[in-house]
């Protein structure tokens, strides 16, 4: 119980998920790369929209192979939105999906809201998020958020784990939020982030091995 953050007390009377999770009034049924570029260019005009719902409504996952442009756009929207409302918990999911957890930690640190302090404690208590204790802590906090119907924050908490608890996160998106398009988008973004991390790890190990072999050859020639 000591691992659980006191969400019920501090979230009481604050904004609800319906305020964050509602679909934008204008949907884009055929969201293409030009539309995404336009949103990126004029982001300050659309800072109030729910970018994840907009992208999922536009069925980006159905045609876009490289999701790096989407990941960057989601991250930029989150930063602009934080400038407006100064509430790190409200951009929790967006910054996790855009692979900006370190930035999220910095924003939570300067967040004056109680929930911002809670988020900072969650992010820094077990900052590697890969050992069993950290994963159990994240799971407990995610279920605590679910109990008070803060579903997006719960999804983000599950996805903080390394590897991400995608099954649990997807279950919330489909069963509690009833948003299959958003679930599809998030699955693609999580897979893309995880693939990039693995690729970088393999690349670094390969380069390290090649450098070692090269050094050995140079040493043998010198001898």
Protein backbone atom coordinates (compact mmCIF):
# COMPACT_ATOMS: atom_id res chain seq x y z
CA UNK A 1 0.00 0.00 0.00
CA UNK A 2 2.87 2.40 0.71
CA UNK A 3 3.84 2.20 -2.97
CA UNK A 4 0.47 3.54 -4.10
CA UNK A 5 0.17 7.25 -4.73
CA UNK A 6 -2.80 8.96 -3.14
CA UNK A 7 -4.63 9.61 -6.41
CA UNK A 8 -8.19 9.52 -5.10
CA UNK A 9 -7.74 12.45 -2.74
CA UNK A 10 -5.82 14.72 -5.09
CA UNK A 11 -7.80 13.96 -8.26
CA UNK A 12 -11.15 14.56 -6.57
CA UNK A 13 -12.88 17.56 -8.11
CA UNK A 14 -10.26 18.00 -10.86
CA UNK A 15 -10.83 17.59 -14.58
CA UNK A 16 -12.22 14.26 -15.72
CA UNK A 17 -11.08 11.90 -18.44
CA UNK A 18 -14.03 12.90 -20.58
CA UNK A 19 -12.56 16.39 -20.83
CA UNK A 20 -9.29 15.01 -22.16
CA UNK A 21 -10.48 11.96 -24.02
CA UNK A 22 -13.31 13.39 -26.08
CA UNK A 23 -12.94 13.34 -29.84
CA UNK A 24 -12.16 16.64 -31.57
CA UNK A 25 -15.17 18.37 -33.11
CA UNK A 26 -13.53 18.23 -36.52
CA UNK A 27 -12.23 14.85 -37.62
CA UNK A 28 -9.92 14.07 -40.49
CA UNK A 29 -10.97 10.87 -42.21
CA UNK A 30 -8.07 10.82 -44.65
CA UNK A 31 -5.17 12.20 -42.65
CA UNK A 32 -2.15 12.26 -44.96
CA UNK A 33 1.48 13.33 -44.60
CA UNK A 34 0.63 16.85 -45.80
CA UNK A 35 -2.01 17.19 -43.08
CA UNK A 36 0.49 16.04 -40.46
CA UNK A 37 3.07 18.51 -41.78
CA UNK A 38 0.44 21.27 -41.65
CA UNK A 39 -0.38 20.44 -38.02
CA UNK A 40 3.34 20.48 -37.23
CA UNK A 41 3.83 23.85 -38.90
CA UNK A 42 0.84 25.56 -37.30
CA UNK A 43 0.84 23.70 -34.02
CA UNK A 44 0.16 26.85 -32.00
CA UNK A 45 -3.24 27.19 -33.70
CA UNK A 46 -4.37 23.69 -32.74
CA UNK A 47 -2.74 23.32 -29.34
CA UNK A 48 -6.09 22.67 -27.62
CA UNK A 49 -7.02 19.59 -29.66
CA UNK A 50 -6.57 16.01 -28.52
CA UNK A 51 -3.77 15.01 -30.91
CA UNK A 52 -3.96 11.28 -30.15
CA UNK A 53 -7.69 11.13 -30.85
CA UNK A 54 -7.23 13.16 -34.02
CA UNK A 55 -4.47 10.88 -35.31
CA UNK A 56 -6.38 7.72 -34.44
CA UNK A 57 -9.55 9.06 -36.10
CA UNK A 58 -7.49 9.74 -39.21
CA UNK A 59 -6.46 6.06 -39.26
CA UNK A 60 -2.76 6.87 -39.52
CA UNK A 61 -1.89 3.30 -38.50
CA UNK A 62 -3.52 1.94 -41.64
CA UNK A 63 -1.09 3.49 -44.11
CA UNK A 64 1.96 5.04 -42.46
CA UNK A 65 5.05 2.82 -42.23
CA UNK A 66 7.44 5.22 -40.51
CA UNK A 67 5.80 6.57 -37.36
CA UNK A 68 8.70 8.84 -36.40
CA UNK A 69 6.85 11.89 -37.78
CA UNK A 70 3.80 10.99 -35.69
CA UNK A 71 5.90 10.41 -32.57
CA UNK A 72 7.57 13.81 -32.98
CA UNK A 73 4.24 15.55 -33.58
CA UNK A 74 2.70 14.02 -30.44
CA UNK A 75 5.71 15.14 -28.40
CA UNK A 76 5.55 18.70 -29.76
CA UNK A 77 1.83 18.98 -29.03
CA UNK A 78 2.43 17.81 -25.46
CA UNK A 79 5.11 20.47 -24.91
CA UNK A 80 2.89 23.24 -26.30
CA UNK A 81 -0.02 22.06 -24.17
CA UNK A 82 2.10 22.05 -21.03
CA UNK A 83 2.93 25.70 -21.69
CA UNK A 84 -0.80 26.38 -21.65
CA UNK A 85 -1.99 24.42 -18.62
CA UNK A 86 1.26 23.62 -16.70
CA UNK A 87 -0.11 20.16 -15.82
CA UNK A 88 2.30 17.30 -16.47
CA UNK A 89 -0.24 14.58 -15.68
CA UNK A 90 -2.37 15.71 -18.62
CA UNK A 91 0.47 15.04 -21.07
CA UNK A 92 1.68 11.88 -19.32
CA UNK A 93 0.54 9.49 -22.07
CA UNK A 94 1.67 11.70 -24.94
CA UNK A 95 5.24 12.03 -23.67
CA UNK A 96 5.51 8.32 -22.88
CA UNK A 97 4.37 7.48 -26.42
CA UNK A 98 6.77 10.00 -27.95
CA UNK A 99 9.64 8.44 -25.97
CA UNK A 100 10.21 11.61 -23.95
CA UNK A 101 10.14 10.23 -20.41
CA UNK A 102 13.21 12.23 -19.36
CA UNK A 103 11.48 15.45 -20.48
CA UNK A 104 8.30 14.37 -18.70
CA UNK A 105 10.32 13.95 -15.51
CA UNK A 106 11.69 17.49 -15.84
CA UNK A 107 8.22 18.94 -16.44
CA UNK A 108 6.74 17.00 -13.53
CA UNK A 109 9.49 18.39 -11.31
CA UNK A 110 8.48 22.00 -12.03
CA UNK A 111 4.75 21.22 -12.01
CA UNK A 112 3.13 22.98 -9.03
CA UNK A 113 0.07 20.73 -9.02
CA UNK A 114 -0.13 17.95 -6.46
CA UNK A 115 -0.59 15.43 -9.24
CA UNK A 116 2.62 16.70 -10.82
CA UNK A 117 4.48 15.96 -7.61
CA UNK A 118 2.93 12.48 -7.54
CA UNK A 119 3.96 11.87 -11.12
CA UNK A 120 7.51 13.01 -10.39
CA UNK A 121 7.71 10.59 -7.47
CA UNK A 122 6.44 7.77 -9.67
CA UNK A 123 8.95 8.52 -12.41
CA UNK A 124 11.95 8.83 -10.10
CA UNK A 125 11.26 6.23 -7.43
CA UNK A 126 12.32 3.36 -9.68
CA UNK A 127 13.74 5.13 -12.69
CA UNK A 128 14.86 2.08 -14.67
CA UNK A 129 11.32 0.57 -14.73
CA UNK A 130 12.71 -2.83 -15.73
CA UNK A 131 13.29 -4.72 -12.48
CA UNK A 132 10.53 -6.70 -10.79
CA UNK A 133 10.03 -4.21 -7.95
CA UNK A 134 9.62 -1.29 -10.37
CA UNK A 135 7.18 -3.20 -12.55
CA UNK A 136 5.07 -4.16 -9.53
CA UNK A 137 5.03 -0.52 -8.38
CA UNK A 138 3.90 0.65 -11.81
CA UNK A 139 1.21 -2.03 -11.92
CA UNK A 140 -0.16 -1.02 -8.49
CA UNK A 141 -0.29 2.65 -9.46
CA UNK A 142 -1.96 1.85 -12.78
CA UNK A 143 -4.72 -0.10 -11.03
CA UNK A 144 -5.13 2.73 -8.50
CA UNK A 145 -5.68 5.16 -11.40
CA UNK A 146 -8.14 2.78 -13.04
CA UNK A 147 -10.25 2.70 -9.89
CA UNK A 148 -10.85 6.44 -10.16
CA UNK A 149 -11.34 6.20 -13.93
CA UNK A 150 -8.17 8.03 -14.93
CA UNK A 151 -7.70 5.65 -17.82
CA UNK A 152 -5.17 7.57 -19.90
CA UNK A 153 -2.86 7.99 -16.92
CA UNK A 154 -3.28 4.27 -16.17
CA UNK A 155 -2.38 3.37 -19.77
CA UNK A 156 0.71 5.58 -19.58
CA UNK A 157 1.75 3.96 -16.29
CA UNK A 158 1.52 0.48 -17.79
CA UNK A 159 3.57 1.65 -20.79
CA UNK A 160 6.34 3.05 -18.57
CA UNK A 161 7.43 -0.49 -17.85
CA UNK A 162 10.40 -1.90 -19.75
CA UNK A 163 9.23 -3.84 -21.68
CA UNK A 164 5.86 -2.05 -21.82
CA UNK A 165 2.83 -3.85 -20.37
CA UNK A 166 1.02 -3.48 -23.68
CA UNK A 167 -1.60 -6.17 -22.98
CA UNK A 168 -2.81 -4.39 -19.84
CA UNK A 169 -2.73 -0.99 -21.55
CA UNK A 170 -4.68 -2.27 -24.54
CA UNK A 171 -7.28 -3.85 -22.28
CA UNK A 172 -8.04 -0.43 -20.78
CA UNK A 173 -8.25 1.25 -24.18
CA UNK A 174 -10.63 -1.36 -25.57
CA UNK A 175 -12.73 -2.35 -22.56
CA UNK A 176 -12.87 0.79 -20.41
CA UNK A 177 -12.40 3.55 -23.00
CA UNK A 178 -14.05 1.68 -25.89
CA UNK A 179 -11.57 3.24 -28.31
CA UNK A 180 -10.17 0.63 -30.69
CA UNK A 181 -8.67 3.20 -33.15
CA UNK A 182 -6.72 4.81 -30.30
CA UNK A 183 -5.61 1.36 -29.13
CA UNK A 184 -4.33 0.59 -32.63
CA UNK A 185 -2.39 3.85 -32.81
CA UNK A 186 -0.84 3.35 -29.38
CA UNK A 187 0.15 -0.24 -30.15
CA UNK A 188 1.91 0.91 -33.31
CA UNK A 189 3.70 3.74 -31.50
CA UNK A 190 4.82 1.47 -28.66
CA UNK A 191 6.07 -1.16 -31.11
CA UNK A 192 7.91 1.52 -33.06
CA UNK A 193 9.56 2.92 -29.92
CA UNK A 194 10.57 -0.53 -28.70
CA UNK A 195 11.93 -1.50 -32.12
CA UNK A 196 14.01 1.69 -32.26
CA UNK A 197 15.47 0.98 -28.82
CA UNK A 198 16.39 -2.56 -29.81
CA UNK A 199 17.89 -1.35 -33.09
CA UNK A 200 20.01 1.25 -31.28
CA UNK A 201 21.17 -1.36 -28.77
CA UNK A 202 22.14 -3.83 -31.52
CA UNK A 203 23.84 -1.05 -33.50
CA UNK A 204 25.87 0.05 -30.49
CA UNK A 205 26.89 -3.52 -29.70
CA UNK A 206 27.83 -4.18 -33.34
CA UNK A 207 29.94 -1.03 -33.51
CA UNK A 208 31.59 -1.93 -30.22
CA UNK A 209 32.47 -5.41 -31.52
CA UNK A 210 33.83 -4.03 -34.79
CA UNK A 211 35.92 -1.45 -32.94
CA UNK A 212 37.30 -4.15 -30.69
CA UNK A 213 38.24 -6.36 -33.65
CA UNK A 214 39.84 -3.40 -35.41
CA UNK A 215 41.87 -2.57 -32.30
CA UNK A 216 43.04 -6.18 -32.07
CA UNK A 217 44.17 -6.15 -35.69
CA UNK A 218 46.07 -2.90 -35.16
CA UNK A 219 47.71 -4.26 -32.03
CA UNK A 220 48.76 -7.46 -33.81
CA UNK A 221 50.34 -5.49 -36.66
CA UNK A 222 52.20 -3.31 -34.20
CA UNK A 223 53.55 -6.38 -32.44
